[in-house]
Full PDB file with SEQRES, HELIX, SHEET, SSBOND, CRYST1, ORIGX, SCALE, CONECT and MASTER records, all heavy atoms in Angstrom:
SEQRES   1 A   44  TYR PHE PRO LEU ALA ILE VAL ILE GLN ALA MET LEU THR          
SEQRES   2 A   44  ALA GLY VAL GLY LEU LEU VAL ALA PRO LEU VAL VAL PHE          
SEQRES   3 A   44  PHE ARG ASP LEU GLU ARG ALA VAL LYS LEU ILE LEU ARG          
SEQRES   4 A   44  PHE LEU PHE TYR ALA                                          
HELIX    1 AA1 PHE A    2  PHE A   26  1                                  25    
HELIX    2 AA2 LEU A   30  TYR A   43  1                                  14    
CRYST1    1.000    1.000    1.000  90.00  90.00  90.00 P 1           1          
ORIGX1      1.000000  0.000000  0.000000        0.00000                         
ORIGX2      0.000000  1.000000  0.000000        0.00000                         
ORIGX3      0.000000  0.000000  1.000000        0.00000                         
SCALE1      1.000000  0.000000  0.000000        0.00000                         
SCALE2      0.000000  1.000000  0.000000        0.00000                         
SCALE3      0.000000  0.000000  1.000000        0.00000                         
ATOM      1  N   TYR A   1     -19.932  13.123  -2.154  1.00  0.00           N  
ATOM      2  CA  TYR A   1     -19.161  11.860  -2.358  1.00  0.00           C  
ATOM      3  C   TYR A   1     -17.962  11.858  -1.566  1.00  0.00           C  
ATOM      4  O   TYR A   1     -17.250  10.750  -1.546  1.00  0.00           O  
ATOM      5  CB  TYR A   1     -19.017  11.614  -3.776  1.00  0.00           C  
ATOM      6  CG  TYR A   1     -20.279  11.492  -4.629  1.00  0.00           C  
ATOM      7  CD1 TYR A   1     -20.465  12.288  -5.658  1.00  0.00           C  
ATOM      8  CD2 TYR A   1     -21.303  10.650  -4.210  1.00  0.00           C  
ATOM      9  CE1 TYR A   1     -21.596  12.176  -6.486  1.00  0.00           C  
ATOM     10  CE2 TYR A   1     -22.427  10.554  -4.822  1.00  0.00           C  
ATOM     11  CZ  TYR A   1     -22.605  11.259  -6.044  1.00  0.00           C  
ATOM     12  OH  TYR A   1     -23.884  11.077  -6.853  1.00  0.00           O  
ATOM     13  N   PHE A   2     -17.466  12.922  -0.971  1.00  0.00           N  
ATOM     14  CA  PHE A   2     -16.077  12.929  -0.276  1.00  0.00           C  
ATOM     15  C   PHE A   2     -16.059  11.888   0.728  1.00  0.00           C  
ATOM     16  O   PHE A   2     -15.035  11.107   0.873  1.00  0.00           O  
ATOM     17  CB  PHE A   2     -15.952  14.325   0.295  1.00  0.00           C  
ATOM     18  CG  PHE A   2     -14.568  14.857   0.196  1.00  0.00           C  
ATOM     19  CD1 PHE A   2     -14.215  15.600  -1.008  1.00  0.00           C  
ATOM     20  CD2 PHE A   2     -13.694  14.627   1.225  1.00  0.00           C  
ATOM     21  CE1 PHE A   2     -12.671  16.028  -1.149  1.00  0.00           C  
ATOM     22  CE2 PHE A   2     -12.415  15.113   1.161  1.00  0.00           C  
ATOM     23  CZ  PHE A   2     -11.894  15.734   0.020  1.00  0.00           C  
ATOM     24  N   PRO A   3     -17.064  11.757   1.678  1.00  0.00           N  
ATOM     25  CA  PRO A   3     -16.939  10.681   2.626  1.00  0.00           C  
ATOM     26  C   PRO A   3     -16.909   9.324   1.994  1.00  0.00           C  
ATOM     27  O   PRO A   3     -16.161   8.407   2.540  1.00  0.00           O  
ATOM     28  CB  PRO A   3     -18.241  10.879   3.527  1.00  0.00           C  
ATOM     29  CG  PRO A   3     -18.686  12.333   3.219  1.00  0.00           C  
ATOM     30  CD  PRO A   3     -18.167  12.547   1.860  1.00  0.00           C  
ATOM     31  N   LEU A   4     -17.491   9.045   0.938  1.00  0.00           N  
ATOM     32  CA  LEU A   4     -17.387   7.739   0.320  1.00  0.00           C  
ATOM     33  C   LEU A   4     -16.051   7.387  -0.242  1.00  0.00           C  
ATOM     34  O   LEU A   4     -15.563   6.381  -0.042  1.00  0.00           O  
ATOM     35  CB  LEU A   4     -18.427   7.689  -0.977  1.00  0.00           C  
ATOM     36  CG  LEU A   4     -18.385   6.475  -1.885  1.00  0.00           C  
ATOM     37  CD1 LEU A   4     -18.836   5.190  -1.079  1.00  0.00           C  
ATOM     38  CD2 LEU A   4     -19.282   6.677  -2.988  1.00  0.00           C  
ATOM     39  N   ALA A   5     -15.475   8.562  -0.688  1.00  0.00           N  
ATOM     40  CA  ALA A   5     -14.112   8.326  -1.195  1.00  0.00           C  
ATOM     41  C   ALA A   5     -13.037   8.029  -0.028  1.00  0.00           C  
ATOM     42  O   ALA A   5     -12.244   7.133  -0.107  1.00  0.00           O  
ATOM     43  CB  ALA A   5     -13.489   9.612  -1.812  1.00  0.00           C  
ATOM     44  N   ILE A   6     -13.328   8.518   1.240  1.00  0.00           N  
ATOM     45  CA  ILE A   6     -12.530   8.312   2.440  1.00  0.00           C  
ATOM     46  C   ILE A   6     -12.631   6.851   2.842  1.00  0.00           C  
ATOM     47  O   ILE A   6     -11.794   6.247   3.238  1.00  0.00           O  
ATOM     48  CB  ILE A   6     -12.926   9.281   3.442  1.00  0.00           C  
ATOM     49  CG1 ILE A   6     -12.430  10.680   3.189  1.00  0.00           C  
ATOM     50  CG2 ILE A   6     -12.283   8.909   4.833  1.00  0.00           C  
ATOM     51  CD1 ILE A   6     -12.972  11.768   4.149  1.00  0.00           C  
ATOM     52  N   VAL A   7     -13.965   6.367   2.803  1.00  0.00           N  
ATOM     53  CA  VAL A   7     -14.347   4.981   3.221  1.00  0.00           C  
ATOM     54  C   VAL A   7     -13.552   3.994   2.329  1.00  0.00           C  
ATOM     55  O   VAL A   7     -12.972   2.955   2.723  1.00  0.00           O  
ATOM     56  CB  VAL A   7     -15.906   4.826   3.230  1.00  0.00           C  
ATOM     57  CG1 VAL A   7     -16.053   3.286   3.412  1.00  0.00           C  
ATOM     58  CG2 VAL A   7     -16.441   5.564   4.318  1.00  0.00           C  
ATOM     59  N   ILE A   8     -13.669   4.259   0.984  1.00  0.00           N  
ATOM     60  CA  ILE A   8     -13.055   3.271   0.018  1.00  0.00           C  
ATOM     61  C   ILE A   8     -11.557   3.341   0.201  1.00  0.00           C  
ATOM     62  O   ILE A   8     -10.940   2.316   0.170  1.00  0.00           O  
ATOM     63  CB  ILE A   8     -13.381   3.717  -1.502  1.00  0.00           C  
ATOM     64  CG1 ILE A   8     -15.039   3.645  -1.625  1.00  0.00           C  
ATOM     65  CG2 ILE A   8     -12.817   2.755  -2.563  1.00  0.00           C  
ATOM     66  CD1 ILE A   8     -15.530   4.199  -3.028  1.00  0.00           C  
ATOM     67  N   GLN A   9     -10.981   4.478   0.395  1.00  0.00           N  
ATOM     68  CA  GLN A   9      -9.552   4.633   0.453  1.00  0.00           C  
ATOM     69  C   GLN A   9      -9.050   4.012   1.742  1.00  0.00           C  
ATOM     70  O   GLN A   9      -8.007   3.316   1.740  1.00  0.00           O  
ATOM     71  CB  GLN A   9      -8.923   6.118   0.493  1.00  0.00           C  
ATOM     72  CG  GLN A   9      -7.524   6.192   0.393  1.00  0.00           C  
ATOM     73  CD  GLN A   9      -7.131   7.527   0.219  1.00  0.00           C  
ATOM     74  OE1 GLN A   9      -7.755   8.391  -0.178  1.00  0.00           O  
ATOM     75  NE2 GLN A   9      -5.795   7.874   0.464  1.00  0.00           N  
ATOM     76  N   ALA A  10      -9.825   4.074   2.826  1.00  0.00           N  
ATOM     77  CA  ALA A  10      -9.431   3.486   4.074  1.00  0.00           C  
ATOM     78  C   ALA A  10      -9.407   1.925   3.906  1.00  0.00           C  
ATOM     79  O   ALA A  10      -8.539   1.252   4.397  1.00  0.00           O  
ATOM     80  CB  ALA A  10     -10.445   3.841   5.185  1.00  0.00           C  
ATOM     81  N   MET A  11     -10.420   1.383   3.165  1.00  0.00           N  
ATOM     82  CA  MET A  11     -10.413  -0.039   2.955  1.00  0.00           C  
ATOM     83  C   MET A  11      -9.159  -0.430   2.125  1.00  0.00           C  
ATOM     84  O   MET A  11      -8.566  -1.442   2.392  1.00  0.00           O  
ATOM     85  CB  MET A  11     -11.714  -0.381   2.246  1.00  0.00           C  
ATOM     86  CG  MET A  11     -12.971  -0.398   3.057  1.00  0.00           C  
ATOM     87  SD  MET A  11     -14.423  -1.160   2.407  1.00  0.00           S  
ATOM     88  CE  MET A  11     -14.533  -0.334   0.681  1.00  0.00           C  
ATOM     89  N   LEU A  12      -8.862   0.269   1.037  1.00  0.00           N  
ATOM     90  CA  LEU A  12      -7.822  -0.079   0.157  1.00  0.00           C  
ATOM     91  C   LEU A  12      -6.500   0.004   0.860  1.00  0.00           C  
ATOM     92  O   LEU A  12      -5.644  -0.918   0.767  1.00  0.00           O  
ATOM     93  CB  LEU A  12      -7.793   0.928  -0.995  1.00  0.00           C  
ATOM     94  CG  LEU A  12      -6.557   0.769  -1.979  1.00  0.00           C  
ATOM     95  CD1 LEU A  12      -6.672  -0.639  -2.703  1.00  0.00           C  
ATOM     96  CD2 LEU A  12      -6.545   1.937  -3.007  1.00  0.00           C  
ATOM     97  N   THR A  13      -6.259   1.161   1.686  1.00  0.00           N  
ATOM     98  CA  THR A  13      -5.051   1.254   2.302  1.00  0.00           C  
ATOM     99  C   THR A  13      -5.006   0.210   3.429  1.00  0.00           C  
ATOM    100  O   THR A  13      -3.752  -0.288   3.603  1.00  0.00           O  
ATOM    101  CB  THR A  13      -4.941   2.643   2.989  1.00  0.00           C  
ATOM    102  OG1 THR A  13      -5.364   3.667   2.092  1.00  0.00           O  
ATOM    103  CG2 THR A  13      -3.660   3.043   3.537  1.00  0.00           C  
ATOM    104  N   ALA A  14      -5.898  -0.199   4.149  1.00  0.00           N  
ATOM    105  CA  ALA A  14      -5.860  -1.269   5.258  1.00  0.00           C  
ATOM    106  C   ALA A  14      -5.500  -2.492   4.517  1.00  0.00           C  
ATOM    107  O   ALA A  14      -4.614  -3.196   5.104  1.00  0.00           O  
ATOM    108  CB  ALA A  14      -7.166  -1.226   6.000  1.00  0.00           C  
ATOM    109  N   GLY A  15      -6.182  -2.861   3.416  1.00  0.00           N  
ATOM    110  CA  GLY A  15      -5.853  -4.050   2.823  1.00  0.00           C  
ATOM    111  C   GLY A  15      -4.483  -4.247   2.204  1.00  0.00           C  
ATOM    112  O   GLY A  15      -3.735  -5.256   2.492  1.00  0.00           O  
ATOM    113  N   VAL A  16      -3.898  -3.145   1.671  1.00  0.00           N  
ATOM    114  CA  VAL A  16      -2.495  -3.175   1.193  1.00  0.00           C  
ATOM    115  C   VAL A  16      -1.648  -3.265   2.298  1.00  0.00           C  
ATOM    116  O   VAL A  16      -0.630  -4.145   2.295  1.00  0.00           O  
ATOM    117  CB  VAL A  16      -2.374  -1.995   0.217  1.00  0.00           C  
ATOM    118  CG1 VAL A  16      -0.829  -2.106  -0.209  1.00  0.00           C  
ATOM    119  CG2 VAL A  16      -3.135  -2.007  -0.907  1.00  0.00           C  
ATOM    120  N   GLY A  17      -1.807  -2.469   3.349  1.00  0.00           N  
ATOM    121  CA  GLY A  17      -1.042  -2.459   4.572  1.00  0.00           C  
ATOM    122  C   GLY A  17      -0.997  -3.778   5.214  1.00  0.00           C  
ATOM    123  O   GLY A  17       0.087  -4.281   5.644  1.00  0.00           O  
ATOM    124  N   LEU A  18      -2.147  -4.513   5.344  1.00  0.00           N  
ATOM    125  CA  LEU A  18      -2.255  -5.862   5.863  1.00  0.00           C  
ATOM    126  C   LEU A  18      -1.406  -6.864   5.123  1.00  0.00           C  
ATOM    127  O   LEU A  18      -0.915  -7.924   5.553  1.00  0.00           O  
ATOM    128  CB  LEU A  18      -3.605  -6.289   6.200  1.00  0.00           C  
ATOM    129  CG  LEU A  18      -4.398  -5.557   7.317  1.00  0.00           C  
ATOM    130  CD1 LEU A  18      -5.924  -5.842   7.157  1.00  0.00           C  
ATOM    131  CD2 LEU A  18      -3.861  -5.949   8.634  1.00  0.00           C  
ATOM    132  N   LEU A  19      -1.364  -6.594   3.735  1.00  0.00           N  
ATOM    133  CA  LEU A  19      -0.722  -7.583   2.743  1.00  0.00           C  
ATOM    134  C   LEU A  19       0.763  -7.304   3.038  1.00  0.00           C  
ATOM    135  O   LEU A  19       1.616  -8.276   2.972  1.00  0.00           O  
ATOM    136  CB  LEU A  19      -1.219  -7.226   1.513  1.00  0.00           C  
ATOM    137  CG  LEU A  19      -0.680  -8.308   0.388  1.00  0.00           C  
ATOM    138  CD1 LEU A  19      -1.161  -9.644   0.608  1.00  0.00           C  
ATOM    139  CD2 LEU A  19      -1.164  -7.662  -1.055  1.00  0.00           C  
ATOM    140  N   VAL A  20       1.266  -6.079   3.091  1.00  0.00           N  
ATOM    141  CA  VAL A  20       2.614  -5.705   3.045  1.00  0.00           C  
ATOM    142  C   VAL A  20       3.291  -6.016   4.382  1.00  0.00           C  
ATOM    143  O   VAL A  20       4.497  -6.437   4.415  1.00  0.00           O  
ATOM    144  CB  VAL A  20       2.870  -4.288   2.624  1.00  0.00           C  
ATOM    145  CG1 VAL A  20       4.335  -3.769   2.799  1.00  0.00           C  
ATOM    146  CG2 VAL A  20       2.438  -4.106   1.053  1.00  0.00           C  
ATOM    147  N   ALA A  21       2.786  -5.512   5.394  1.00  0.00           N  
ATOM    148  CA  ALA A  21       3.362  -5.594   6.752  1.00  0.00           C  
ATOM    149  C   ALA A  21       3.953  -7.004   7.161  1.00  0.00           C  
ATOM    150  O   ALA A  21       5.134  -6.983   7.551  1.00  0.00           O  
ATOM    151  CB  ALA A  21       2.416  -5.129   7.862  1.00  0.00           C  
ATOM    152  N   PRO A  22       3.195  -8.055   7.018  1.00  0.00           N  
ATOM    153  CA  PRO A  22       3.784  -9.383   7.374  1.00  0.00           C  
ATOM    154  C   PRO A  22       4.780  -9.834   6.432  1.00  0.00           C  
ATOM    155  O   PRO A  22       5.883 -10.601   6.678  1.00  0.00           O  
ATOM    156  CB  PRO A  22       2.554 -10.365   7.598  1.00  0.00           C  
ATOM    157  CG  PRO A  22       1.558  -9.673   6.657  1.00  0.00           C  
ATOM    158  CD  PRO A  22       1.770  -8.176   6.764  1.00  0.00           C  
ATOM    159  N   LEU A  23       4.634  -9.591   5.119  1.00  0.00           N  
ATOM    160  CA  LEU A  23       5.551 -10.110   4.093  1.00  0.00           C  
ATOM    161  C   LEU A  23       6.873  -9.546   4.344  1.00  0.00           C  
ATOM    162  O   LEU A  23       7.946 -10.232   3.960  1.00  0.00           O  
ATOM    163  CB  LEU A  23       5.000  -9.818   2.626  1.00  0.00           C  
ATOM    164  CG  LEU A  23       3.634 -10.627   2.363  1.00  0.00           C  
ATOM    165  CD1 LEU A  23       3.222 -10.254   1.004  1.00  0.00           C  
ATOM    166  CD2 LEU A  23       3.911 -12.143   2.637  1.00  0.00           C  
ATOM    167  N   VAL A  24       7.051  -8.149   4.646  1.00  0.00           N  
ATOM    168  CA  VAL A  24       8.324  -7.622   4.778  1.00  0.00           C  
ATOM    169  C   VAL A  24       9.111  -8.309   5.861  1.00  0.00           C  
ATOM    170  O   VAL A  24      10.368  -8.367   5.729  1.00  0.00           O  
ATOM    171  CB  VAL A  24       8.083  -6.115   5.031  1.00  0.00           C  
ATOM    172  CG1 VAL A  24       9.391  -5.378   5.432  1.00  0.00           C  
ATOM    173  CG2 VAL A  24       7.467  -5.349   3.896  1.00  0.00           C  
ATOM    174  N   VAL A  25       8.480  -8.922   6.822  1.00  0.00           N  
ATOM    175  CA  VAL A  25       9.274  -9.521   7.902  1.00  0.00           C  
ATOM    176  C   VAL A  25      10.037 -10.693   7.306  1.00  0.00           C  
ATOM    177  O   VAL A  25      11.117 -10.939   7.705  1.00  0.00           O  
ATOM    178  CB  VAL A  25       8.159 -10.087   9.060  1.00  0.00           C  
ATOM    179  CG1 VAL A  25       8.933 -10.852   9.994  1.00  0.00           C  
ATOM    180  CG2 VAL A  25       7.456  -8.849   9.708  1.00  0.00           C  
ATOM    181  N   PHE A  26       9.537 -11.434   6.341  1.00  0.00           N  
ATOM    182  CA  PHE A  26      10.186 -12.461   5.623  1.00  0.00           C  
ATOM    183  C   PHE A  26      11.077 -12.177   4.565  1.00  0.00           C  
ATOM    184  O   PHE A  26      12.091 -12.766   4.337  1.00  0.00           O  
ATOM    185  CB  PHE A  26       9.048 -13.521   5.285  1.00  0.00           C  
ATOM    186  CG  PHE A  26       8.143 -14.059   6.228  1.00  0.00           C  
ATOM    187  CD1 PHE A  26       6.828 -13.615   6.216  1.00  0.00           C  
ATOM    188  CD2 PHE A  26       8.610 -14.685   7.420  1.00  0.00           C  
ATOM    189  CE1 PHE A  26       5.947 -14.083   7.204  1.00  0.00           C  
ATOM    190  CE2 PHE A  26       7.684 -15.067   8.471  1.00  0.00           C  
ATOM    191  CZ  PHE A  26       6.291 -14.755   8.335  1.00  0.00           C  
ATOM    192  N   PHE A  27      10.741 -11.076   3.956  1.00  0.00           N  
ATOM    193  CA  PHE A  27      11.457 -10.553   2.582  1.00  0.00           C  
ATOM    194  C   PHE A  27      11.762  -9.209   2.922  1.00  0.00           C  
ATOM    195  O   PHE A  27      11.046  -8.199   2.507  1.00  0.00           O  
ATOM    196  CB  PHE A  27      10.589 -10.760   1.392  1.00  0.00           C  
ATOM    197  CG  PHE A  27      10.003 -12.271   1.313  1.00  0.00           C  
ATOM    198  CD1 PHE A  27       8.691 -12.408   1.559  1.00  0.00           C  
ATOM    199  CD2 PHE A  27      10.729 -13.230   0.888  1.00  0.00           C  
ATOM    200  CE1 PHE A  27       8.120 -13.576   1.340  1.00  0.00           C  
ATOM    201  CE2 PHE A  27      10.264 -14.564   0.809  1.00  0.00           C  
ATOM    202  CZ  PHE A  27       8.872 -14.709   1.022  1.00  0.00           C  
ATOM    203  N   ARG A  28      12.951  -8.857   3.436  1.00  0.00           N  
ATOM    204  CA  ARG A  28      13.323  -7.567   3.822  1.00  0.00           C  
ATOM    205  C   ARG A  28      13.536  -6.737   2.771  1.00  0.00           C  
ATOM    206  O   ARG A  28      13.289  -5.317   2.758  1.00  0.00           O  
ATOM    207  CB  ARG A  28      14.551  -7.512   4.658  1.00  0.00           C  
ATOM    208  CG  ARG A  28      14.482  -8.454   6.035  1.00  0.00           C  
ATOM    209  CD  ARG A  28      13.380  -7.811   6.951  1.00  0.00           C  
ATOM    210  NE  ARG A  28      13.176  -8.640   8.098  1.00  0.00           N  
ATOM    211  CZ  ARG A  28      13.716  -8.536   9.283  1.00  0.00           C  
ATOM    212  NH1 ARG A  28      14.641  -7.670   9.468  1.00  0.00           N  
ATOM    213  NH2 ARG A  28      13.444  -9.393  10.291  1.00  0.00           N  
ATOM    214  N   ASP A  29      13.852  -7.164   1.541  1.00  0.00           N  
ATOM    215  CA  ASP A  29      14.004  -6.410   0.294  1.00  0.00           C  
ATOM    216  C   ASP A  29      12.672  -5.825  -0.140  1.00  0.00           C  
ATOM    217  O   ASP A  29      12.590  -4.756  -0.998  1.00  0.00           O  
ATOM    218  CB  ASP A  29      14.661  -7.303  -0.825  1.00  0.00           C  
ATOM    219  CG  ASP A  29      16.124  -7.404  -0.509  1.00  0.00           C  
ATOM    220  OD1 ASP A  29      16.700  -6.770   0.339  1.00  0.00           O  
ATOM    221  OD2 ASP A  29      16.670  -8.456  -1.121  1.00  0.00           O  
ATOM    222  N   LEU A  30      11.662  -6.401   0.441  1.00  0.00           N  
ATOM    223  CA  LEU A  30      10.237  -5.927   0.022  1.00  0.00           C  
ATOM    224  C   LEU A  30      10.082  -4.484   0.284  1.00  0.00           C  
ATOM    225  O   LEU A  30       9.271  -3.766  -0.295  1.00  0.00           O  
ATOM    226  CB  LEU A  30       9.184  -6.838   0.505  1.00  0.00           C  
ATOM    227  CG  LEU A  30       7.753  -6.532   0.043  1.00  0.00           C  
ATOM    228  CD1 LEU A  30       7.755  -6.697  -1.465  1.00  0.00           C  
ATOM    229  CD2 LEU A  30       6.823  -7.562   0.649  1.00  0.00           C  
ATOM    230  N   GLU A  31      10.665  -4.084   1.309  1.00  0.00           N  
ATOM    231  CA  GLU A  31      10.572  -2.589   1.863  1.00  0.00           C  
ATOM    232  C   GLU A  31      11.116  -1.756   0.724  1.00  0.00           C  
ATOM    233  O   GLU A  31      10.352  -0.675   0.484  1.00  0.00           O  
ATOM    234  CB  GLU A  31      11.327  -2.374   3.185  1.00  0.00           C  
ATOM    235  CG  GLU A  31      11.194  -1.016   3.670  1.00  0.00           C  
ATOM    236  CD  GLU A  31      11.894  -0.756   4.890  1.00  0.00           C  
ATOM    237  OE1 GLU A  31      12.387  -1.882   5.618  1.00  0.00           O  
ATOM    238  OE2 GLU A  31      12.050   0.311   5.423  1.00  0.00           O  
ATOM    239  N   ARG A  32      12.187  -1.981   0.126  1.00  0.00           N  
ATOM    240  CA  ARG A  32      12.651  -1.163  -0.932  1.00  0.00           C  
ATOM    241  C   ARG A  32      11.921  -1.267  -2.139  1.00  0.00           C  
ATOM    242  O   ARG A  32      11.498  -0.252  -2.969  1.00  0.00           O  
ATOM    243  CB  ARG A  32      14.127  -1.465  -1.223  1.00  0.00           C  
ATOM    244  CG  ARG A  32      15.048  -1.081  -0.162  1.00  0.00           C  
ATOM    245  CD  ARG A  32      16.557  -1.477  -0.459  1.00  0.00           C  
ATOM    246  NE  ARG A  32      17.415  -1.013   0.612  1.00  0.00           N  
ATOM    247  CZ  ARG A  32      18.741  -1.139   0.522  1.00  0.00           C  
ATOM    248  NH1 ARG A  32      19.284  -1.554  -0.609  1.00  0.00           N  
ATOM    249  NH2 ARG A  32      19.439  -0.865   1.501  1.00  0.00           N  
ATOM    250  N   ALA A  33      11.368  -2.498  -2.345  1.00  0.00           N  
ATOM    251  CA  ALA A  33      10.481  -2.791  -3.554  1.00  0.00           C  
ATOM    252  C   ALA A  33       9.196  -1.881  -3.472  1.00  0.00           C  
ATOM    253  O   ALA A  33       8.740  -1.330  -4.451  1.00  0.00           O  
ATOM    254  CB  ALA A  33      10.141  -4.164  -3.745  1.00  0.00           C  
ATOM    255  N   VAL A  34       8.642  -1.858  -2.234  1.00  0.00           N  
ATOM    256  CA  VAL A  34       7.498  -1.119  -2.147  1.00  0.00           C  
ATOM    257  C   VAL A  34       7.631   0.381  -2.415  1.00  0.00           C  
ATOM    258  O   VAL A  34       6.855   0.894  -2.999  1.00  0.00           O  
ATOM    259  CB  VAL A  34       6.794  -1.327  -0.718  1.00  0.00           C  
ATOM    260  CG1 VAL A  34       5.752  -0.318  -0.329  1.00  0.00           C  
ATOM    261  CG2 VAL A  34       6.329  -2.721  -0.423  1.00  0.00           C  
ATOM    262  N   LYS A  35       8.763   0.973  -1.967  1.00  0.00           N  
ATOM    263  CA  LYS A  35       9.057   2.305  -2.318  1.00  0.00           C  
ATOM    264  C   LYS A  35       9.088   2.603  -3.734  1.00  0.00           C  
ATOM    265  O   LYS A  35       8.550   3.592  -4.308  1.00  0.00           O  
ATOM    266  CB  LYS A  35      10.400   2.687  -1.459  1.00  0.00           C  
ATOM    267  CG  LYS A  35      10.288   2.709  -0.122  1.00  0.00           C  
ATOM    268  CD  LYS A  35      11.658   3.162   0.490  1.00  0.00           C  
ATOM    269  CE  LYS A  35      11.642   3.202   2.063  1.00  0.00           C  
ATOM    270  NZ  LYS A  35      12.938   3.559   2.727  1.00  0.00           N  
ATOM    271  N   LEU A  36       9.760   1.601  -4.540  1.00  0.00           N  
ATOM    272  CA  LEU A  36       9.849   1.837  -5.929  1.00  0.00           C  
ATOM    273  C   LEU A  36       8.430   1.766  -6.579  1.00  0.00           C  
ATOM    274  O   LEU A  36       8.043   2.469  -7.492  1.00  0.00           O  
ATOM    275  CB  LEU A  36      10.819   0.707  -6.614  1.00  0.00           C  
ATOM    276  CG  LEU A  36      12.201   0.849  -6.331  1.00  0.00           C  
ATOM    277  CD1 LEU A  36      13.020  -0.273  -6.916  1.00  0.00           C  
ATOM    278  CD2 LEU A  36      12.779   2.218  -6.860  1.00  0.00           C  
ATOM    279  N   ILE A  37       7.541   0.811  -6.056  1.00  0.00           N  
ATOM    280  CA  ILE A  37       6.312   0.625  -6.615  1.00  0.00           C  
ATOM    281  C   ILE A  37       5.462   1.781  -6.343  1.00  0.00           C  
ATOM    282  O   ILE A  37       4.614   2.368  -7.179  1.00  0.00           O  
ATOM    283  CB  ILE A  37       5.557  -0.702  -6.043  1.00  0.00           C  
ATOM    284  CG1 ILE A  37       6.327  -1.925  -6.466  1.00  0.00           C  
ATOM    285  CG2 ILE A  37       4.164  -0.769  -6.411  1.00  0.00           C  
ATOM    286  CD1 ILE A  37       5.827  -3.151  -5.704  1.00  0.00           C  
ATOM    287  N   LEU A  38       5.476   2.346  -5.173  1.00  0.00           N  
ATOM    288  CA  LEU A  38       4.805   3.613  -4.856  1.00  0.00           C  
ATOM    289  C   LEU A  38       5.298   4.755  -5.746  1.00  0.00           C  
ATOM    290  O   LEU A  38       4.416   5.636  -6.053  1.00  0.00           O  
ATOM    291  CB  LEU A  38       4.951   4.007  -3.388  1.00  0.00           C  
ATOM    292  CG  LEU A  38       4.207   3.084  -2.405  1.00  0.00           C  
ATOM    293  CD1 LEU A  38       4.710   3.363  -0.875  1.00  0.00           C  
ATOM    294  CD2 LEU A  38       2.733   3.217  -2.516  1.00  0.00           C  
ATOM    295  N   ARG A  39       6.508   4.869  -6.028  1.00  0.00           N  
ATOM    296  CA  ARG A  39       7.045   5.857  -6.949  1.00  0.00           C  
ATOM    297  C   ARG A  39       6.350   5.808  -8.263  1.00  0.00           C  
ATOM    298  O   ARG A  39       6.015   6.726  -8.899  1.00  0.00           O  
ATOM    299  CB  ARG A  39       8.482   5.953  -6.973  1.00  0.00           C  
ATOM    300  CG  ARG A  39       9.140   7.117  -7.654  1.00  0.00           C  
ATOM    301  CD  ARG A  39      10.758   7.030  -7.579  1.00  0.00           C  
ATOM    302  NE  ARG A  39      11.191   6.918  -6.167  1.00  0.00           N  
ATOM    303  CZ  ARG A  39      12.467   6.610  -5.880  1.00  0.00           C  
ATOM    304  NH1 ARG A  39      13.275   6.458  -6.786  1.00  0.00           N  
ATOM    305  NH2 ARG A  39      12.751   6.647  -4.515  1.00  0.00           N  
ATOM    306  N   PHE A  40       6.506   4.577  -8.782  1.00  0.00           N  
ATOM    307  CA  PHE A  40       5.807   4.189 -10.017  1.00  0.00           C  
ATOM    308  C   PHE A  40       4.254   4.590 -10.025  1.00  0.00           C  
ATOM    309  O   PHE A  40       3.811   5.145 -11.041  1.00  0.00           O  
ATOM    310  CB  PHE A  40       6.075   2.816 -10.519  1.00  0.00           C  
ATOM    311  CG  PHE A  40       5.117   2.384 -11.665  1.00  0.00           C  
ATOM    312  CD1 PHE A  40       5.610   2.693 -12.962  1.00  0.00           C  
ATOM    313  CD2 PHE A  40       4.029   1.556 -11.422  1.00  0.00           C  
ATOM    314  CE1 PHE A  40       4.771   2.278 -13.984  1.00  0.00           C  
ATOM    315  CE2 PHE A  40       3.239   1.296 -12.517  1.00  0.00           C  
ATOM    316  CZ  PHE A  40       3.688   1.586 -13.795  1.00  0.00           C  
ATOM    317  N   LEU A  41       3.551   4.160  -8.892  1.00  0.00           N  
ATOM    318  CA  LEU A  41       2.140   4.407  -8.809  1.00  0.00           C  
ATOM    319  C   LEU A  41       1.806   5.808  -8.742  1.00  0.00           C  
ATOM    320  O   LEU A  41       0.685   6.178  -9.266  1.00  0.00           O  
ATOM    321  CB  LEU A  41       1.686   3.662  -7.503  1.00  0.00           C  
ATOM    322  CG  LEU A  41       0.190   3.476  -7.451  1.00  0.00           C  
ATOM    323  CD1 LEU A  41      -0.419   2.644  -8.629  1.00  0.00           C  
ATOM    324  CD2 LEU A  41      -0.188   2.752  -6.002  1.00  0.00           C  
ATOM    325  N   PHE A  42       2.595   6.626  -8.271  1.00  0.00           N  
ATOM    326  CA  PHE A  42       2.403   8.082  -8.280  1.00  0.00           C  
ATOM    327  C   PHE A  42       2.249   8.608  -9.741  1.00  0.00           C  
ATOM    328  O   PHE A  42       1.132   9.307  -9.925  1.00  0.00           O  
ATOM    329  CB  PHE A  42       3.597   8.859  -7.585  1.00  0.00           C  
ATOM    330  CG  PHE A  42       3.311  10.310  -7.694  1.00  0.00           C  
ATOM    331  CD1 PHE A  42       2.718  10.975  -6.739  1.00  0.00           C  
ATOM    332  CD2 PHE A  42       4.044  11.025  -8.729  1.00  0.00           C  
ATOM    333  CE1 PHE A  42       2.548  12.435  -6.794  1.00  0.00           C  
ATOM    334  CE2 PHE A  42       3.840  12.459  -8.664  1.00  0.00           C  
ATOM    335  CZ  PHE A  42       3.008  13.114  -7.753  1.00  0.00           C  
ATOM    336  N   TYR A  43       2.951   8.222 -10.637  1.00  0.00           N  
ATOM    337  CA  TYR A  43       2.864   8.794 -11.947  1.00  0.00           C  
ATOM    338  C   TYR A  43       1.938   7.914 -12.749  1.00  0.00           C  
ATOM    339  O   TYR A  43       1.298   8.404 -13.791  1.00  0.00           O  
ATOM    340  CB  TYR A  43       4.198   8.707 -12.704  1.00  0.00           C  
ATOM    341  CG  TYR A  43       5.286   9.568 -12.107  1.00  0.00           C  
ATOM    342  CD1 TYR A  43       6.203   9.157 -11.223  1.00  0.00           C  
ATOM    343  CD2 TYR A  43       5.210  10.918 -12.334  1.00  0.00           C  
ATOM    344  CE1 TYR A  43       7.170  10.101 -10.695  1.00  0.00           C  
ATOM    345  CE2 TYR A  43       6.154  11.962 -11.826  1.00  0.00           C  
ATOM    346  CZ  TYR A  43       7.105  11.442 -11.050  1.00  0.00           C  
ATOM    347  OH  TYR A  43       7.932  12.337 -10.468  1.00  0.00           O  
ATOM    348  N   ALA A  44       1.695   6.716 -12.320  1.00  0.00           N  
ATOM    349  CA  ALA A  44       0.505   5.850 -12.987  1.00  0.00           C  
ATOM    350  C   ALA A  44      -0.830   6.213 -12.447  1.00  0.00           C  
ATOM    351  O   ALA A  44      -1.834   5.704 -13.104  1.00  0.00           O  
ATOM    352  CB  ALA A  44       0.836   4.398 -12.764  1.00  0.00           C  
TER     353      ALA A  44                                                      
MASTER        0    0    0    2    0    0    0    6  352    1    0    4          
END                                                                             
């Protein structure tokens, strides 16, 4: 199932990346907000 996990994670990471990348251009504070969210997500 390891390759399946890689495929699912690639889809998820690409989707979140495509969502975040353009929005940061308009809302620069979002870069710091993403770091905080990632820190919370690590423990969650």
